[in-house]
Amino acid sequence: MLQQEKMKMLAEDEGALKRVNIRDLAMSYGIYADKFFMATDGNRVTIEHKGGAPSIEDARKAIEEARAALKAGSLDVVAKDVTPKE
């Protein structure tokens, strides 16, 4: 209640608002918002553990597919005799 009254006073007095450090306003708002979310259960973090890592066969298959895709997009270069002429 007092904080709301102080905010109303700052909003009405431009000179006082200019003297207030923005960091103080942001810090108080951040604390307020954090406590509000904690109290209303809105600051919940859910951690999900997934199992089933890929098998070696799956990894080999993925590597082979990647190699095939790289080879399909590459150009064949034919070596020619490039000895410098005198």
N, C-alpha and C. Protein backbone atom coordinates (compact mmCIF):
# COMPACT_ATOMS: atom_id res chain seq x y z
N MET A 1 0.82 -1.18 0.00
CA MET A 1 0.00 0.00 0.00
C MET A 1 0.88 1.26 0.00
N LEU A 2 1.90 1.26 0.84
CA LEU A 2 2.79 2.41 0.90
C LEU A 2 3.58 2.56 -0.40
N GLN A 3 3.95 1.44 -0.98
CA GLN A 3 4.69 1.51 -2.25
C GLN A 3 3.81 2.10 -3.35
N GLN A 4 2.56 1.72 -3.38
CA GLN A 4 1.65 2.27 -4.37
C GLN A 4 1.47 3.77 -4.17
N GLU A 5 1.38 4.20 -2.91
CA GLU A 5 1.25 5.63 -2.63
C GLU A 5 2.50 6.38 -3.08
N LYS A 6 3.67 5.79 -2.83
CA LYS A 6 4.93 6.41 -3.26
C LYS A 6 4.99 6.50 -4.79
N MET A 7 4.57 5.45 -5.48
CA MET A 7 4.56 5.47 -6.94
C MET A 7 3.64 6.56 -7.46
N LYS A 8 2.49 6.73 -6.81
CA LYS A 8 1.55 7.76 -7.23
C LYS A 8 2.17 9.15 -7.04
N MET A 9 2.89 9.35 -5.92
CA MET A 9 3.54 10.63 -5.66
C MET A 9 4.62 10.91 -6.71
N LEU A 10 5.40 9.88 -7.06
CA LEU A 10 6.44 10.06 -8.08
C LEU A 10 5.84 10.36 -9.44
N ALA A 11 4.73 9.71 -9.76
CA ALA A 11 4.09 9.93 -11.05
C ALA A 11 3.57 11.36 -11.16
N GLU A 12 3.16 11.96 -10.05
CA GLU A 12 2.60 13.31 -10.08
C GLU A 12 3.68 14.39 -10.01
N ASP A 13 4.86 14.07 -9.48
CA ASP A 13 5.93 15.06 -9.31
C ASP A 13 7.09 14.71 -10.24
N GLU A 14 7.17 15.40 -11.37
CA GLU A 14 8.19 15.09 -12.37
C GLU A 14 9.60 15.33 -11.85
N GLY A 15 9.79 16.36 -11.02
CA GLY A 15 11.11 16.65 -10.46
C GLY A 15 11.58 15.52 -9.56
N ALA A 16 10.68 15.00 -8.72
CA ALA A 16 11.04 13.89 -7.84
C ALA A 16 11.34 12.63 -8.64
N LEU A 17 10.59 12.44 -9.69
CA LEU A 17 10.81 11.26 -10.54
C LEU A 17 12.17 11.33 -11.22
N LYS A 18 12.61 12.51 -11.62
CA LYS A 18 13.92 12.67 -12.25
C LYS A 18 15.05 12.37 -11.28
N ARG A 19 14.83 12.61 -9.98
CA ARG A 19 15.87 12.37 -8.98
C ARG A 19 15.98 10.90 -8.56
N VAL A 20 14.98 10.10 -8.86
CA VAL A 20 14.99 8.69 -8.46
C VAL A 20 15.87 7.90 -9.42
N ASN A 21 16.72 7.06 -8.86
CA ASN A 21 17.59 6.22 -9.68
C ASN A 21 16.75 5.11 -10.31
N ILE A 22 16.88 4.95 -11.62
CA ILE A 22 16.10 3.95 -12.35
C ILE A 22 16.42 2.54 -11.86
N ARG A 23 17.66 2.33 -11.42
CA ARG A 23 18.05 1.02 -10.90
C ARG A 23 17.23 0.66 -9.66
N ASP A 24 16.98 1.65 -8.79
CA ASP A 24 16.17 1.41 -7.59
C ASP A 24 14.75 1.02 -7.96
N LEU A 25 14.19 1.70 -8.95
CA LEU A 25 12.83 1.37 -9.39
C LEU A 25 12.78 -0.03 -10.01
N ALA A 26 13.76 -0.33 -10.84
CA ALA A 26 13.77 -1.64 -11.50
C ALA A 26 14.00 -2.77 -10.49
N MET A 27 14.88 -2.54 -9.53
CA MET A 27 15.16 -3.56 -8.52
C MET A 27 13.92 -3.85 -7.67
N SER A 28 13.25 -2.79 -7.24
CA SER A 28 12.06 -3.01 -6.41
C SER A 28 10.96 -3.71 -7.21
N TYR A 29 10.82 -3.34 -8.48
CA TYR A 29 9.82 -4.01 -9.31
C TYR A 29 10.18 -5.48 -9.52
N GLY A 30 11.46 -5.76 -9.75
CA GLY A 30 11.89 -7.14 -9.96
C GLY A 30 11.63 -8.01 -8.73
N ILE A 31 11.91 -7.47 -7.56
CA ILE A 31 11.66 -8.21 -6.31
C ILE A 31 10.17 -8.45 -6.14
N TYR A 32 9.39 -7.40 -6.38
CA TYR A 32 7.94 -7.53 -6.27
C TYR A 32 7.41 -8.60 -7.22
N ALA A 33 7.83 -8.54 -8.47
CA ALA A 33 7.34 -9.50 -9.47
C ALA A 33 7.76 -10.93 -9.11
N ASP A 34 9.00 -11.10 -8.65
CA ASP A 34 9.48 -12.43 -8.28
C ASP A 34 8.67 -13.00 -7.12
N LYS A 35 8.45 -12.20 -6.10
CA LYS A 35 7.67 -12.66 -4.94
C LYS A 35 6.22 -12.93 -5.32
N PHE A 36 5.67 -12.10 -6.21
CA PHE A 36 4.29 -12.33 -6.66
C PHE A 36 4.18 -13.67 -7.38
N PHE A 37 5.11 -13.95 -8.31
CA PHE A 37 5.06 -15.21 -9.03
C PHE A 37 5.29 -16.41 -8.11
N MET A 38 6.16 -16.25 -7.12
CA MET A 38 6.38 -17.34 -6.18
C MET A 38 5.11 -17.60 -5.36
N ALA A 39 4.43 -16.54 -4.96
CA ALA A 39 3.24 -16.68 -4.13
C ALA A 39 2.07 -17.25 -4.93
N THR A 40 2.00 -16.95 -6.20
CA THR A 40 0.87 -17.42 -7.02
C THR A 40 1.20 -18.66 -7.81
N ASP A 41 2.33 -19.27 -7.53
CA ASP A 41 2.74 -20.52 -8.17
C ASP A 41 2.97 -20.35 -9.67
N GLY A 42 3.28 -19.13 -10.09
CA GLY A 42 3.51 -18.88 -11.51
C GLY A 42 4.96 -18.96 -11.90
N ASN A 43 5.83 -19.21 -10.95
CA ASN A 43 7.26 -19.24 -11.24
C ASN A 43 7.77 -20.68 -11.11
N ARG A 44 7.09 -21.58 -11.74
CA ARG A 44 7.39 -22.99 -11.62
C ARG A 44 8.31 -23.43 -12.76
N VAL A 45 9.27 -24.25 -12.44
CA VAL A 45 10.19 -24.81 -13.43
C VAL A 45 9.98 -26.30 -13.45
N THR A 46 9.75 -26.86 -14.62
CA THR A 46 9.57 -28.28 -14.76
C THR A 46 10.79 -28.85 -15.48
N ILE A 47 11.38 -29.86 -14.88
CA ILE A 47 12.56 -30.50 -15.47
C ILE A 47 12.14 -31.89 -15.94
N GLU A 48 12.43 -32.17 -17.19
CA GLU A 48 12.05 -33.44 -17.77
C GLU A 48 13.32 -34.19 -18.15
N HIS A 49 13.42 -35.42 -17.66
CA HIS A 49 14.57 -36.25 -17.99
C HIS A 49 14.15 -37.24 -19.06
N LYS A 50 14.89 -37.23 -20.15
CA LYS A 50 14.59 -38.16 -21.24
C LYS A 50 15.69 -39.19 -21.32
N GLY A 51 15.31 -40.39 -21.48
CA GLY A 51 16.28 -41.47 -21.60
C GLY A 51 16.33 -41.96 -23.03
N GLY A 52 17.02 -43.05 -23.23
CA GLY A 52 17.06 -43.65 -24.56
C GLY A 52 18.02 -42.95 -25.49
N ALA A 53 19.28 -42.94 -25.15
CA ALA A 53 20.29 -42.38 -26.05
C ALA A 53 20.36 -43.22 -27.32
N PRO A 54 20.75 -42.60 -28.43
CA PRO A 54 20.82 -43.37 -29.68
C PRO A 54 21.88 -44.47 -29.59
N SER A 55 21.61 -45.54 -30.27
CA SER A 55 22.55 -46.67 -30.26
C SER A 55 23.71 -46.39 -31.22
N ILE A 56 24.73 -47.21 -31.15
CA ILE A 56 25.88 -47.07 -32.04
C ILE A 56 25.44 -47.25 -33.49
N GLU A 57 24.52 -48.17 -33.71
CA GLU A 57 24.02 -48.40 -35.07
C GLU A 57 23.30 -47.15 -35.60
N ASP A 58 22.52 -46.52 -34.73
CA ASP A 58 21.83 -45.28 -35.14
C ASP A 58 22.84 -44.19 -35.48
N ALA A 59 23.90 -44.09 -34.67
CA ALA A 59 24.93 -43.08 -34.92
C ALA A 59 25.65 -43.36 -36.23
N ARG A 60 25.99 -44.62 -36.47
CA ARG A 60 26.66 -44.97 -37.74
C ARG A 60 25.77 -44.65 -38.93
N LYS A 61 24.49 -44.97 -38.81
CA LYS A 61 23.56 -44.70 -39.90
C LYS A 61 23.48 -43.19 -40.16
N ALA A 62 23.42 -42.38 -39.10
CA ALA A 62 23.36 -40.93 -39.26
C ALA A 62 24.62 -40.40 -39.91
N ILE A 63 25.78 -40.95 -39.53
CA ILE A 63 27.05 -40.53 -40.13
C ILE A 63 27.10 -40.88 -41.61
N GLU A 64 26.67 -42.07 -41.94
CA GLU A 64 26.65 -42.47 -43.35
C GLU A 64 25.70 -41.61 -44.18
N GLU A 65 24.55 -41.29 -43.62
CA GLU A 65 23.60 -40.43 -44.32
C GLU A 65 24.19 -39.03 -44.53
N ALA A 66 24.89 -38.53 -43.54
CA ALA A 66 25.53 -37.22 -43.67
C ALA A 66 26.62 -37.24 -44.73
N ARG A 67 27.41 -38.29 -44.75
CA ARG A 67 28.45 -38.43 -45.78
C ARG A 67 27.84 -38.50 -47.17
N ALA A 68 26.76 -39.26 -47.31
CA ALA A 68 26.10 -39.38 -48.61
C ALA A 68 25.54 -38.03 -49.06
N ALA A 69 24.98 -37.27 -48.12
CA ALA A 69 24.43 -35.96 -48.46
C ALA A 69 25.55 -35.01 -48.89
N LEU A 70 26.69 -35.06 -48.20
CA LEU A 70 27.83 -34.23 -48.58
C LEU A 70 28.36 -34.61 -49.95
N LYS A 71 28.45 -35.91 -50.20
CA LYS A 71 28.97 -36.38 -51.48
C LYS A 71 28.02 -36.00 -52.61
N ALA A 72 26.73 -36.06 -52.36
CA ALA A 72 25.75 -35.72 -53.40
C ALA A 72 25.84 -34.24 -53.76
N GLY A 73 26.20 -33.39 -52.82
CA GLY A 73 26.27 -31.96 -53.09
C GLY A 73 27.64 -31.49 -53.52
N SER A 74 28.60 -32.39 -53.65
CA SER A 74 29.95 -31.98 -54.00
C SER A 74 30.21 -32.13 -55.49
N LEU A 75 31.27 -31.52 -55.95
CA LEU A 75 31.67 -31.62 -57.35
C LEU A 75 32.83 -32.58 -57.48
N ASP A 76 32.84 -33.34 -58.57
CA ASP A 76 33.97 -34.22 -58.84
C ASP A 76 35.05 -33.40 -59.53
N VAL A 77 36.25 -33.50 -59.04
CA VAL A 77 37.37 -32.78 -59.61
C VAL A 77 38.31 -33.79 -60.23
N VAL A 78 38.60 -33.59 -61.50
CA VAL A 78 39.49 -34.50 -62.22
C VAL A 78 40.86 -33.85 -62.28
N ALA A 79 41.88 -34.58 -61.85
CA ALA A 79 43.24 -34.03 -61.86
C ALA A 79 43.80 -34.11 -63.27
N LYS A 80 44.41 -33.02 -63.69
CA LYS A 80 45.07 -32.98 -64.99
C LYS A 80 46.53 -32.67 -64.78
N ASP A 81 47.29 -32.82 -65.82
CA ASP A 81 48.69 -32.51 -65.72
C ASP A 81 48.84 -31.00 -65.64
N VAL A 82 49.36 -30.54 -64.54
CA VAL A 82 49.48 -29.09 -64.33
C VAL A 82 50.94 -28.69 -64.13
N THR A 83 51.84 -29.39 -64.83
CA THR A 83 53.26 -29.03 -64.71
C THR A 83 53.49 -27.70 -65.40
N PRO A 84 54.22 -26.80 -64.74
CA PRO A 84 54.44 -25.50 -65.35
C PRO A 84 55.34 -25.62 -66.59
N LYS A 85 55.04 -24.80 -67.56
CA LYS A 85 55.84 -24.79 -68.78
C LYS A 85 56.99 -23.83 -68.60
N GLU A 86 58.06 -24.14 -69.23
CA GLU A 86 59.25 -23.29 -69.12
C GLU A 86 59.28 -22.23 -70.17
